PDB file of N, CA and C in Angstrom:
ATOM      1  N   MET A   1      57.032  56.581  36.284  1.00  0.00           N
ATOM      2  CA  MET A   1      56.569  55.821  35.176  1.00  0.00           C
ATOM      3  C   MET A   1      56.000  54.227  35.896  1.00  0.00           C
ATOM      4  N   VAL A   2      55.072  53.763  36.067  1.00  0.00           N
ATOM      5  CA  VAL A   2      54.296  53.238  36.376  1.00  0.00           C
ATOM      6  C   VAL A   2      54.298  51.579  35.411  1.00  0.00           C
ATOM      7  N   GLU A   3      54.555  50.547  36.493  1.00  0.00           N
ATOM      8  CA  GLU A   3      54.960  48.835  35.787  1.00  0.00           C
ATOM      9  C   GLU A   3      54.220  48.154  37.077  1.00  0.00           C
ATOM     10  N   VAL A   4      53.590  47.300  36.350  1.00  0.00           N
ATOM     11  CA  VAL A   4      53.274  45.949  36.423  1.00  0.00           C
ATOM     12  C   VAL A   4      53.566  44.450  36.211  1.00  0.00           C
ATOM     13  N   THR A   5      54.039  43.893  37.426  1.00  0.00           N
ATOM     14  CA  THR A   5      54.746  42.384  36.546  1.00  0.00           C
ATOM     15  C   THR A   5      53.622  41.619  36.365  1.00  0.00           C
ATOM     16  N   VAL A   6      53.411  40.871  35.718  1.00  0.00           N
ATOM     17  CA  VAL A   6      52.263  39.880  35.248  1.00  0.00           C
ATOM     18  C   VAL A   6      52.949  38.564  36.297  1.00  0.00           C
ATOM     19  N   ARG A   7      51.713  38.246  37.173  1.00  0.00           N
ATOM     20  CA  ARG A   7      52.241  37.269  37.799  1.00  0.00           C
ATOM     21  C   ARG A   7      51.967  35.994  37.217  1.00  0.00           C
ATOM     22  N   LYS A   8      52.666  34.480  37.600  1.00  0.00           N
ATOM     23  CA  LYS A   8      52.299  33.462  36.950  1.00  0.00           C
ATOM     24  C   LYS A   8      50.761  33.056  36.576  1.00  0.00           C
ATOM     25  N   ASP A   9      50.304  32.604  35.851  1.00  0.00           N
ATOM     26  CA  ASP A   9      48.109  32.100  35.788  1.00  0.00           C
ATOM     27  C   ASP A   9      47.613  33.291  36.250  1.00  0.00           C
ATOM     28  N   GLU A  10      47.874  34.753  35.763  1.00  0.00           N
ATOM     29  CA  GLU A  10      46.712  35.630  36.384  1.00  0.00           C
ATOM     30  C   GLU A  10      46.742  35.963  34.630  1.00  0.00           C
ATOM     31  N   PRO A  11      45.572  36.173  34.934  1.00  0.00           N
ATOM     32  CA  PRO A  11      44.220  36.167  33.808  1.00  0.00           C
ATOM     33  C   PRO A  11      45.334  37.451  33.414  1.00  0.00           C
ATOM     34  N   LEU A  12      45.309  38.199  31.911  1.00  0.00           N
ATOM     35  CA  LEU A  12      45.663  39.808  31.658  1.00  0.00           C
ATOM     36  C   LEU A  12      44.732  40.780  31.589  1.00  0.00           C
ATOM     37  N   GLU A  13      43.337  40.661  32.391  1.00  0.00           N
ATOM     38  CA  GLU A  13      42.039  41.027  32.574  1.00  0.00           C
ATOM     39  C   GLU A  13      42.818  41.997  33.988  1.00  0.00           C
ATOM     40  N   LYS A  14      43.393  40.727  34.865  1.00  0.00           N
ATOM     41  CA  LYS A  14      43.170  41.402  36.513  1.00  0.00           C
ATOM     42  C   LYS A  14      44.577  42.278  36.156  1.00  0.00           C
ATOM     43  N   ALA A  15      45.906  42.291  35.940  1.00  0.00           N
ATOM     44  CA  ALA A  15      46.978  42.497  35.373  1.00  0.00           C
ATOM     45  C   ALA A  15      46.660  44.777  34.799  1.00  0.00           C
ATOM     46  N   LEU A  16      45.952  44.067  33.781  1.00  0.00           N
ATOM     47  CA  LEU A  16      45.208  45.087  33.306  1.00  0.00           C
ATOM     48  C   LEU A  16      44.672  46.541  34.038  1.00  0.00           C
ATOM     49  N   ARG A  17      43.946  45.913  35.159  1.00  0.00           N
ATOM     50  CA  ARG A  17      43.075  46.180  35.853  1.00  0.00           C
ATOM     51  C   ARG A  17      43.791  47.207  36.612  1.00  0.00           C
ATOM     52  N   ARG A  18      44.924  46.204  37.494  1.00  0.00           N
ATOM     53  CA  ARG A  18      45.920  46.897  38.483  1.00  0.00           C
ATOM     54  C   ARG A  18      46.813  47.578  37.823  1.00  0.00           C
ATOM     55  N   PHE A  19      46.820  47.828  36.180  1.00  0.00           N
ATOM     56  CA  PHE A  19      48.622  48.835  35.768  1.00  0.00           C
ATOM     57  C   PHE A  19      46.967  50.395  36.009  1.00  0.00           C
ATOM     58  N   LYS A  20      46.014  49.916  35.569  1.00  0.00           N
ATOM     59  CA  LYS A  20      44.838  50.745  35.536  1.00  0.00           C
ATOM     60  C   LYS A  20      44.748  51.663  36.654  1.00  0.00           C
ATOM     61  N   LYS A  21      44.963  50.997  37.523  1.00  0.00           N
ATOM     62  CA  LYS A  21      44.478  51.949  38.938  1.00  0.00           C
ATOM     63  C   LYS A  21      45.757  52.242  39.742  1.00  0.00           C
ATOM     64  N   LYS A  22      47.339  51.795  39.093  1.00  0.00           N
ATOM     65  CA  LYS A  22      48.163  52.362  39.290  1.00  0.00           C
ATOM     66  C   LYS A  22      48.498  53.701  38.338  1.00  0.00           C
ATOM     67  N   TYR A  23      48.123  53.832  37.530  1.00  0.00           N
ATOM     68  CA  TYR A  23      47.870  54.846  36.094  1.00  0.00           C
ATOM     69  C   TYR A  23      47.592  55.823  37.323  1.00  0.00           C
ATOM     70  N   GLU A  24      45.967  55.951  37.643  1.00  0.00           N
ATOM     71  CA  GLU A  24      45.450  56.261  38.302  1.00  0.00           C
ATOM     72  C   GLU A  24      45.529  57.511  39.385  1.00  0.00           C
ATOM     73  N   LYS A  25      46.146  56.886  40.128  1.00  0.00           N
ATOM     74  CA  LYS A  25      47.191  56.683  41.322  1.00  0.00           C
ATOM     75  C   LYS A  25      48.271  57.892  41.222  1.00  0.00           C
ATOM     76  N   ALA A  26      48.846  57.599  40.005  1.00  0.00           N
ATOM     77  CA  ALA A  26      49.859  58.659  39.793  1.00  0.00           C
ATOM     78  C   ALA A  26      50.105  59.632  39.340  1.00  0.00           C
ATOM     79  N   GLY A  27      48.319  60.479  39.403  1.00  0.00           N
ATOM     80  CA  GLY A  27      47.782  60.997  38.268  1.00  0.00           C
ATOM     81  C   GLY A  27      48.530  61.595  36.500  1.00  0.00           C
ATOM     82  N   ILE A  28      48.985  60.300  36.266  1.00  0.00           N
ATOM     83  CA  ILE A  28      49.759  60.601  34.886  1.00  0.00           C
ATOM     84  C   ILE A  28      48.786  61.122  33.704  1.00  0.00           C
ATOM     85  N   LEU A  29      47.623  60.889  33.734  1.00  0.00           N
ATOM     86  CA  LEU A  29      46.874  61.551  32.936  1.00  0.00           C
ATOM     87  C   LEU A  29      46.036  62.811  33.300  1.00  0.00           C
ATOM     88  N   LYS A  30      46.476  62.887  34.449  1.00  0.00           N
ATOM     89  CA  LYS A  30      45.669  64.722  35.122  1.00  0.00           C
ATOM     90  C   LYS A  30      46.711  65.426  34.957  1.00  0.00           C
ATOM     91  N   ASP A  31      47.666  64.853  34.490  1.00  0.00           N
ATOM     92  CA  ASP A  31      49.231  65.778  34.454  1.00  0.00           C
ATOM     93  C   ASP A  31      49.352  66.352  32.870  1.00  0.00           C
ATOM     94  N   ILE A  32      48.289  65.458  32.089  1.00  0.00           N
ATOM     95  CA  ILE A  32      49.100  65.427  30.787  1.00  0.00           C
ATOM     96  C   ILE A  32      47.639  66.217  30.023  1.00  0.00           C
ATOM     97  N   LYS A  33      46.472  66.449  30.398  1.00  0.00           N
ATOM     98  CA  LYS A  33      45.725  66.631  30.426  1.00  0.00           C
ATOM     99  C   LYS A  33      45.440  68.301  30.893  1.00  0.00           C
ATOM    100  N   ARG A  34      46.294  68.317  31.394  1.00  0.00           N
ATOM    101  CA  ARG A  34      47.063  69.723  32.795  1.00  0.00           C
ATOM    102  C   ARG A  34      47.691  70.862  31.667  1.00  0.00           C
ATOM    103  N   ASN A  35      49.059  69.775  31.092  1.00  0.00           N
ATOM    104  CA  ASN A  35      49.643  70.791  30.036  1.00  0.00           C
ATOM    105  C   ASN A  35      49.638  70.378  28.798  1.00  0.00           C
ATOM    106  N   SER A  36      48.334  70.195  28.440  1.00  0.00           N
ATOM    107  CA  SER A  36      47.896  69.417  27.281  1.00  0.00           C
ATOM    108  C   SER A  36      48.032  71.209  26.411  1.00  0.00           C
ATOM    109  N   TYR A  37      47.896  72.139  26.674  1.00  0.00           N
ATOM    110  CA  TYR A  37      47.393  73.422  26.309  1.00  0.00           C
ATOM    111  C   TYR A  37      47.767  74.682  27.253  1.00  0.00           C
ATOM    112  N   TYR A  38      48.413  75.584  26.553  1.00  0.00           N
ATOM    113  CA  TYR A  38      48.880  76.979  27.218  1.00  0.00           C
ATOM    114  C   TYR A  38      47.856  77.748  27.828  1.00  0.00           C
ATOM    115  N   LEU A  39      48.401  77.955  29.370  1.00  0.00           N
ATOM    116  CA  LEU A  39      47.443  78.467  29.875  1.00  0.00           C
ATOM    117  C   LEU A  39      47.987  79.435  30.211  1.00  0.00           C
ATOM    118  N   LYS A  40      47.740  81.270  30.039  1.00  0.00           N
ATOM    119  CA  LYS A  40      48.578  82.192  30.944  1.00  0.00           C
ATOM    120  C   LYS A  40      48.610  82.430  32.413  1.00  0.00           C
ATOM    121  N   PRO A  41      49.304  83.012  32.637  1.00  0.00           N
ATOM    122  CA  PRO A  41      49.380  82.178  34.154  1.00  0.00           C
ATOM    123  C   PRO A  41      48.165  83.734  34.806  1.00  0.00           C
ATOM    124  N   SER A  42      48.055  84.827  34.025  1.00  0.00           N
ATOM    125  CA  SER A  42      47.242  85.767  35.426  1.00  0.00           C
ATOM    126  C   SER A  42      45.759  84.649  35.269  1.00  0.00           C
ATOM    127  N   ALA A  43      45.922  83.445  33.730  1.00  0.00           N
ATOM    128  CA  ALA A  43      44.825  83.030  34.069  1.00  0.00           C
ATOM    129  C   ALA A  43      44.364  81.886  35.052  1.00  0.00           C
ATOM    130  N   GLU A  44      45.850  81.440  35.107  1.00  0.00           N
ATOM    131  CA  GLU A  44      45.888  80.709  35.683  1.00  0.00           C
ATOM    132  C   GLU A  44      46.341  80.973  37.041  1.00  0.00           C
ATOM    133  N   LYS A  45      45.885  81.730  37.721  1.00  0.00           N
ATOM    134  CA  LYS A  45      45.356  82.552  38.602  1.00  0.00           C
ATOM    135  C   LYS A  45      44.653  82.701  38.995  1.00  0.00           C
ATOM    136  N   ARG A  46      43.753  83.083  38.172  1.00  0.00           N
ATOM    137  CA  ARG A  46      42.011  82.863  38.091  1.00  0.00           C
ATOM    138  C   ARG A  46      41.467  81.775  38.397  1.00  0.00           C
ATOM    139  N   ILE A  47      41.906  80.689  37.624  1.00  0.00           N
ATOM    140  CA  ILE A  47      41.636  79.251  37.983  1.00  0.00           C
ATOM    141  C   ILE A  47      41.804  78.951  39.752  1.00  0.00           C
ATOM    142  N   LYS A  48      43.041  79.133  40.269  1.00  0.00           N
ATOM    143  CA  LYS A  48      43.336  78.414  41.159  1.00  0.00           C
ATOM    144  C   LYS A  48      42.422  79.248  42.594  1.00  0.00           C
ATOM    145  N   ARG A  49      42.133  81.029  41.961  1.00  0.00           N
ATOM    146  CA  ARG A  49      42.075  81.582  43.060  1.00  0.00           C
ATOM    147  C   ARG A  49      40.510  80.914  43.350  1.00  0.00           C
ATOM    148  N   SER A  50      39.272  80.936  41.655  1.00  0.00           N
ATOM    149  CA  SER A  50      37.967  80.508  42.363  1.00  0.00           C
ATOM    150  C   SER A  50      37.711  79.146  42.856  1.00  0.00           C
ATOM    151  N   LYS A  51      38.893  78.068  42.531  1.00  0.00           N
ATOM    152  CA  LYS A  51      39.004  76.601  42.894  1.00  0.00           C
ATOM    153  C   LYS A  51      39.330  76.832  44.781  1.00  0.00           C
ATOM    154  N   ALA A  52      40.192  77.482  44.584  1.00  0.00           N
ATOM    155  CA  ALA A  52      40.378  77.428  46.418  1.00  0.00           C
ATOM    156  C   ALA A  52      38.785  78.422  47.109  1.00  0.00           C
ATOM    157  N   LEU A  53      38.404  79.385  46.705  1.00  0.00           N
ATOM    158  CA  LEU A  53      36.924  80.150  46.823  1.00  0.00           C
ATOM    159  C   LEU A  53      35.553  78.995  46.937  1.00  0.00           C
ATOM    160  N   ARG A  54      35.362  78.361  45.806  1.00  0.00           N
ATOM    161  CA  ARG A  54      34.695  77.214  45.728  1.00  0.00           C
ATOM    162  C   ARG A  54      35.075  76.221  46.978  1.00  0.00           C
ATOM    163  N   ARG A  55      36.440  75.459  47.082  1.00  0.00           N
ATOM    164  CA  ARG A  55      36.636  74.777  48.266  1.00  0.00           C
ATOM    165  C   ARG A  55      36.210  75.734  49.277  1.00  0.00           C
ATOM    166  N   MET A  56      36.921  76.456  49.905  1.00  0.00           N
ATOM    167  CA  MET A  56      36.066  77.440  51.073  1.00  0.00           C
ATOM    168  C   MET A  56      34.649  77.264  51.549  1.00  0.00           C
ATOM    169  N   ARG A  57      33.800  77.748  50.220  1.00  0.00           N
ATOM    170  CA  ARG A  57      32.466  77.274  50.096  1.00  0.00           C
ATOM    171  C   ARG A  57      31.801  76.297  51.078  1.00  0.00           C
ATOM    172  N   ARG A  58      32.740  75.085  49.893  1.00  0.00           N
ATOM    173  CA  ARG A  58      32.037  73.621  50.320  1.00  0.00           C
ATOM    174  C   ARG A  58      31.942  73.607  51.582  1.00  0.00           C
ATOM    175  N   THR A  59      33.445  73.915  52.192  1.00  0.00           N
ATOM    176  CA  THR A  59      33.563  73.606  53.630  1.00  0.00           C
ATOM    177  C   THR A  59      32.675  74.083  54.369  1.00  0.00           C
ATOM    178  N   MET A  60      32.986  75.715  54.419  1.00  0.00           N
ATOM    179  CA  MET A  60      32.014  75.982  55.104  1.00  0.00           C
ATOM    180  C   MET A  60      30.469  75.846  55.025  1.00  0.00           C
ATOM    181  N   ALA A  61      29.881  75.541  54.090  1.00  0.00           N
ATOM    182  CA  ALA A  61      28.651  74.698  54.177  1.00  0.00           C
ATOM    183  C   ALA A  61      28.697  73.552  54.497  1.00  0.00           C
ATOM    184  N   ILE A  62      29.969  72.761  55.173  1.00  0.00           N
ATOM    185  CA  ILE A  62      29.766  71.555  55.197  1.00  0.00           C
ATOM    186  C   ILE A  62      29.313  71.498  56.773  1.00  0.00           C
ATOM    187  N   ALA A  63      30.382  72.681  57.045  1.00  0.00           N
ATOM    188  CA  ALA A  63      30.384  72.978  58.861  1.00  0.00           C
ATOM    189  C   ALA A  63      29.381  73.400  59.131  1.00  0.00           C
ATOM    190  N   ASN A  64      28.653  74.449  58.988  1.00  0.00           N
ATOM    191  CA  ASN A  64      26.786  74.985  58.983  1.00  0.00           C
ATOM    192  C   ASN A  64      26.013  73.695  59.380  1.00  0.00           C
ATOM    193  N   ARG A  65      26.590  72.642  58.855  1.00  0.00           N
ATOM    194  CA  ARG A  65      25.157  71.778  58.316  1.00  0.00           C
ATOM    195  C   ARG A  65      25.548  71.050  59.989  1.00  0.00           C
TER     196      ARG A  65
END
């Protein structure tokens, strides 16, 4: 759970900005989007494999430069 205490004489916008940063860092939105619909285990494996392959290609391309 993300908590932000508003300090004395602190503008609300600044506290809201700190909340957004903590919210992003905690990965709450990413988790909600990931669990918003059911994905079959086989489809999940396929996606993981393709992401790993993409990551590997990217690191190889950077290493070759």
